[in-house]
Amino acid sequence: MKKQIIVIHGGDSFKTYKEYLNSLKNWEVKIDYFRPRKDWKTTLQDELGEKFDVLLPRMPNKSNAKFIEWKIWFERMFPFLNKEVILIGHSLGGMFLAKYLSENDFPKHIKQLHLVAAPHNKTGDIADFLIPKSLNRLSKQAENIYFYYSQDDRIVPITEMKEYKKQLPNAQFFIFKDRGHFKQEKFPELIKLLKTKYPNS
């Protein structure tokens, strides 16, 4: 059976619809925003090879994400999951997984949980994605937990890592100097870790 990986992408969230509209009107737009993009999430399947099955669901309205909508759509995937899965969340996707797994029981065994540039409660206006005070349920459900942060990330400051360290002292934390918000096309460190945990891949 292939090793199944679910990757949850990032997004934005606003407290009110008015704030969302203001963001659309005032966001600094560059022409590259209208071109197809490649990043490590979309190249993950090719990098890992045929022994892995990478699922990259498109979460609802990532420009103004609502936790309840993401929760509903995330749970629609459950009938298709293997007995053992790897979960990866980038940015708001990482925050979503942290909140979901701290408040709900996941139906399968989580072999690994990777949270990349995951915000905590002090980053911007993340509305109803707030992380609860206790992440005990999360720590009990995930066999191995990894966090990734970069010192030059202008979207999610590395100080957010300290909050997760307090709540999940047994997790492993990786710090980079020059990855920004981890939008690069390749993520060799993640690939190496995934393959190391599965030496026959």
Protein backbone atom coordinates (compact mmCIF):
# COMPACT_ATOMS: atom_id res chain seq x y z
CA MET A 1 0.00 0.00 0.00
CA LYS A 2 1.27 3.47 -0.86
CA LYS A 3 2.24 5.84 1.94
CA GLN A 4 -0.50 8.43 2.02
CA ILE A 5 0.20 12.13 2.56
CA ILE A 6 -2.40 14.88 2.95
CA VAL A 7 -1.20 18.46 2.40
CA ILE A 8 -3.31 21.41 3.56
CA HIS A 9 -2.38 24.70 1.89
CA GLY A 10 -2.46 28.16 3.45
CA GLY A 11 -4.87 31.05 3.12
CA ASP A 12 -6.22 34.20 4.75
CA SER A 13 -9.04 34.74 7.21
CA PHE A 14 -10.91 37.88 8.29
CA LYS A 15 -13.27 38.68 11.14
CA THR A 16 -15.73 40.55 8.91
CA TYR A 17 -16.69 40.57 5.25
CA LYS A 18 -15.90 44.29 5.12
CA GLU A 19 -12.31 43.62 6.17
CA TYR A 20 -12.07 40.96 3.47
CA LEU A 21 -13.30 43.39 0.79
CA ASN A 22 -10.84 46.04 1.98
CA SER A 23 -8.04 43.52 1.64
CA LEU A 24 -9.06 42.72 -1.94
CA LYS A 25 -9.10 46.42 -2.80
CA ASN A 26 -5.85 47.39 -1.10
CA TRP A 27 -3.61 44.34 -1.46
CA GLU A 28 -0.43 45.14 -3.40
CA VAL A 29 -0.87 43.11 -6.58
CA LYS A 30 1.91 41.96 -8.92
CA ILE A 31 1.49 40.31 -12.30
CA ASP A 32 2.97 37.06 -10.98
CA TYR A 33 -0.14 36.62 -8.84
CA PHE A 34 -2.09 35.88 -12.02
CA ARG A 35 0.32 33.22 -13.33
CA PRO A 36 0.25 29.51 -12.42
CA ARG A 37 2.54 28.81 -9.50
CA LYS A 38 4.71 25.87 -8.57
CA ASP A 39 5.89 25.30 -5.05
CA TRP A 40 7.03 22.38 -2.90
CA LYS A 41 3.47 21.26 -2.25
CA THR A 42 2.67 20.77 -5.94
CA THR A 43 6.02 19.07 -6.65
CA LEU A 44 5.90 16.80 -3.60
CA GLN A 45 4.49 13.80 -5.48
CA ASP A 46 7.22 13.91 -8.14
CA GLU A 47 9.92 14.34 -5.50
CA LEU A 48 8.75 11.40 -3.39
CA GLY A 49 7.95 8.95 -6.18
CA GLU A 50 5.35 6.29 -6.82
CA LYS A 51 5.49 4.67 -3.38
CA PHE A 52 3.76 7.74 -1.96
CA ASP A 53 0.25 9.02 -2.65
CA VAL A 54 0.07 12.79 -2.13
CA LEU A 55 -3.38 14.34 -1.72
CA LEU A 56 -3.60 18.13 -2.01
CA PRO A 57 -7.22 19.16 -1.40
CA ARG A 58 -8.34 22.65 -2.40
CA MET A 59 -9.82 24.05 0.78
CA PRO A 60 -12.91 26.30 0.52
CA ASN A 61 -12.39 30.00 -0.15
CA LYS A 62 -8.77 30.24 0.94
CA SER A 63 -8.88 34.05 0.49
CA ASN A 64 -11.34 34.35 3.38
CA ALA A 65 -11.18 31.00 5.09
CA LYS A 66 -13.65 29.88 7.75
CA PHE A 67 -12.71 27.08 10.12
CA ILE A 68 -16.10 25.34 10.00
CA GLU A 69 -15.99 25.23 6.18
CA TRP A 70 -12.47 23.78 6.18
CA LYS A 71 -13.48 21.26 8.86
CA ILE A 72 -16.44 20.02 6.80
CA TRP A 73 -14.40 19.66 3.63
CA PHE A 74 -11.45 18.05 5.45
CA GLU A 75 -13.75 15.40 6.92
CA ARG A 76 -15.17 14.59 3.48
CA MET A 77 -11.76 13.02 2.76
CA PHE A 78 -11.98 10.52 5.61
CA PRO A 79 -13.60 7.66 3.64
CA PHE A 80 -10.60 7.66 1.29
CA LEU A 81 -7.86 7.51 3.92
CA ASN A 82 -5.53 4.60 4.55
CA LYS A 83 -5.05 3.15 8.02
CA GLU A 84 -1.94 5.28 8.46
CA VAL A 85 -1.38 8.79 7.10
CA ILE A 86 1.05 11.70 7.12
CA LEU A 87 -0.42 15.19 7.56
CA ILE A 88 1.33 18.34 6.33
CA GLY A 89 0.03 21.87 6.82
CA HIS A 90 1.53 25.06 5.42
CA SER A 91 0.81 28.46 6.99
CA LEU A 92 -2.93 28.68 7.79
CA GLY A 93 -3.13 25.01 6.81
CA GLY A 94 -0.75 24.21 9.66
CA MET A 95 -2.82 26.26 12.07
CA PHE A 96 -5.96 24.49 10.86
CA LEU A 97 -4.45 21.05 11.54
CA ALA A 98 -3.23 22.12 14.99
CA LYS A 99 -6.68 23.39 15.94
CA TYR A 100 -8.59 20.51 14.36
CA LEU A 101 -6.47 17.81 15.98
CA SER A 102 -6.68 19.52 19.37
CA GLU A 103 -10.49 19.58 19.24
CA ASN A 104 -11.38 16.43 17.28
CA ASP A 105 -10.40 12.77 17.08
CA PHE A 106 -8.80 11.86 13.76
CA PRO A 107 -10.13 8.49 12.49
CA LYS A 108 -6.73 7.10 11.36
CA HIS A 109 -3.25 6.73 12.83
CA ILE A 110 -1.14 9.83 12.18
CA LYS A 111 2.36 8.60 11.51
CA GLN A 112 3.77 12.10 11.09
CA LEU A 113 2.49 15.66 11.44
CA HIS A 114 4.49 18.42 9.70
CA LEU A 115 3.52 22.06 10.34
CA VAL A 116 5.34 24.55 8.10
CA ALA A 117 5.30 28.25 9.06
CA ALA A 118 2.19 27.65 11.14
CA PRO A 119 0.75 30.77 12.79
CA HIS A 120 -0.24 30.80 16.44
CA ASN A 121 -2.67 33.25 17.99
CA LYS A 122 -0.51 36.37 17.62
CA THR A 123 -0.17 36.40 13.83
CA GLY A 124 -2.47 38.84 12.07
CA ASP A 125 -6.23 38.41 11.95
CA ILE A 126 -6.79 34.65 11.91
CA ALA A 127 -10.40 34.94 13.14
CA ASP A 128 -11.89 31.56 14.11
CA PHE A 129 -8.69 29.52 13.64
CA LEU A 130 -7.48 30.37 17.17
CA ILE A 131 -5.36 27.69 18.82
CA PRO A 132 -6.81 26.40 22.12
CA LYS A 133 -4.82 26.53 25.37
CA SER A 134 -4.28 22.77 25.39
CA LEU A 135 -2.90 20.68 22.53
CA ASN A 136 -2.93 17.44 24.54
CA ARG A 137 -5.32 15.69 22.17
CA LEU A 138 -3.09 16.61 19.22
CA SER A 139 0.03 15.26 20.95
CA LYS A 140 -1.72 11.97 21.69
CA GLN A 141 -2.90 11.50 18.09
CA ALA A 142 0.32 12.24 16.18
CA GLU A 143 3.23 9.83 16.54
CA ASN A 144 5.86 12.34 15.35
CA ILE A 145 5.40 16.14 15.22
CA TYR A 146 7.66 18.51 13.29
CA PHE A 147 7.62 22.31 12.96
CA TYR A 148 9.47 24.44 10.38
CA TYR A 149 10.14 28.18 10.68
CA SER A 150 12.38 30.71 8.95
CA GLN A 151 13.99 33.73 10.58
CA ASP A 152 13.18 35.94 7.56
CA ASP A 153 9.48 35.04 7.35
CA ARG A 154 7.57 38.35 7.09
CA ILE A 155 4.15 36.71 7.31
CA VAL A 156 4.51 34.36 10.28
CA PRO A 157 7.24 35.55 12.66
CA ILE A 158 9.48 32.94 14.23
CA THR A 159 8.24 34.06 17.65
CA GLU A 160 5.12 31.99 16.98
CA MET A 161 7.33 28.91 17.33
CA LYS A 162 7.81 29.69 21.02
CA GLU A 163 4.09 29.37 21.66
CA TYR A 164 3.97 25.91 20.09
CA LYS A 165 7.11 24.89 22.00
CA LYS A 166 5.34 25.66 25.26
CA GLN A 167 2.37 23.51 24.31
CA LEU A 168 4.24 20.72 22.50
CA PRO A 169 7.65 20.37 24.17
CA ASN A 170 8.21 16.92 22.64
CA ALA A 171 7.85 18.13 19.05
CA GLN A 172 10.90 18.72 16.85
CA PHE A 173 11.55 22.26 15.60
CA PHE A 174 13.63 23.16 12.54
CA ILE A 175 14.81 26.74 12.06
CA PHE A 176 15.99 28.17 8.72
CA LYS A 177 17.55 31.53 7.93
CA ASP A 178 16.41 32.25 4.37
CA ARG A 179 13.18 30.42 3.46
CA GLY A 180 10.79 33.31 3.96
CA HIS A 181 7.25 31.93 4.12
CA PHE A 182 8.33 28.63 2.54
CA LYS A 183 6.99 29.30 -0.95
CA GLN A 184 9.99 27.78 -2.70
CA GLU A 185 9.60 25.12 -5.37
CA LYS A 186 11.73 22.53 -3.56
CA PHE A 187 11.80 21.48 0.09
CA PRO A 188 14.67 18.95 0.24
CA GLU A 189 14.79 18.79 4.03
CA LEU A 190 11.17 17.69 4.21
CA ILE A 191 11.68 15.15 1.42
CA LYS A 192 14.73 13.70 3.18
CA LEU A 193 12.88 13.38 6.47
CA LEU A 194 9.89 11.70 4.85
CA LYS A 195 12.10 9.20 3.04
CA THR A 196 14.29 8.60 6.09
CA LYS A 197 11.25 7.61 8.11
CA TYR A 198 10.44 5.21 5.26
CA PRO A 199 13.89 3.79 4.42
CA ASN A 200 12.62 1.45 1.69
CA SER A 201 11.14 4.31 -0.36
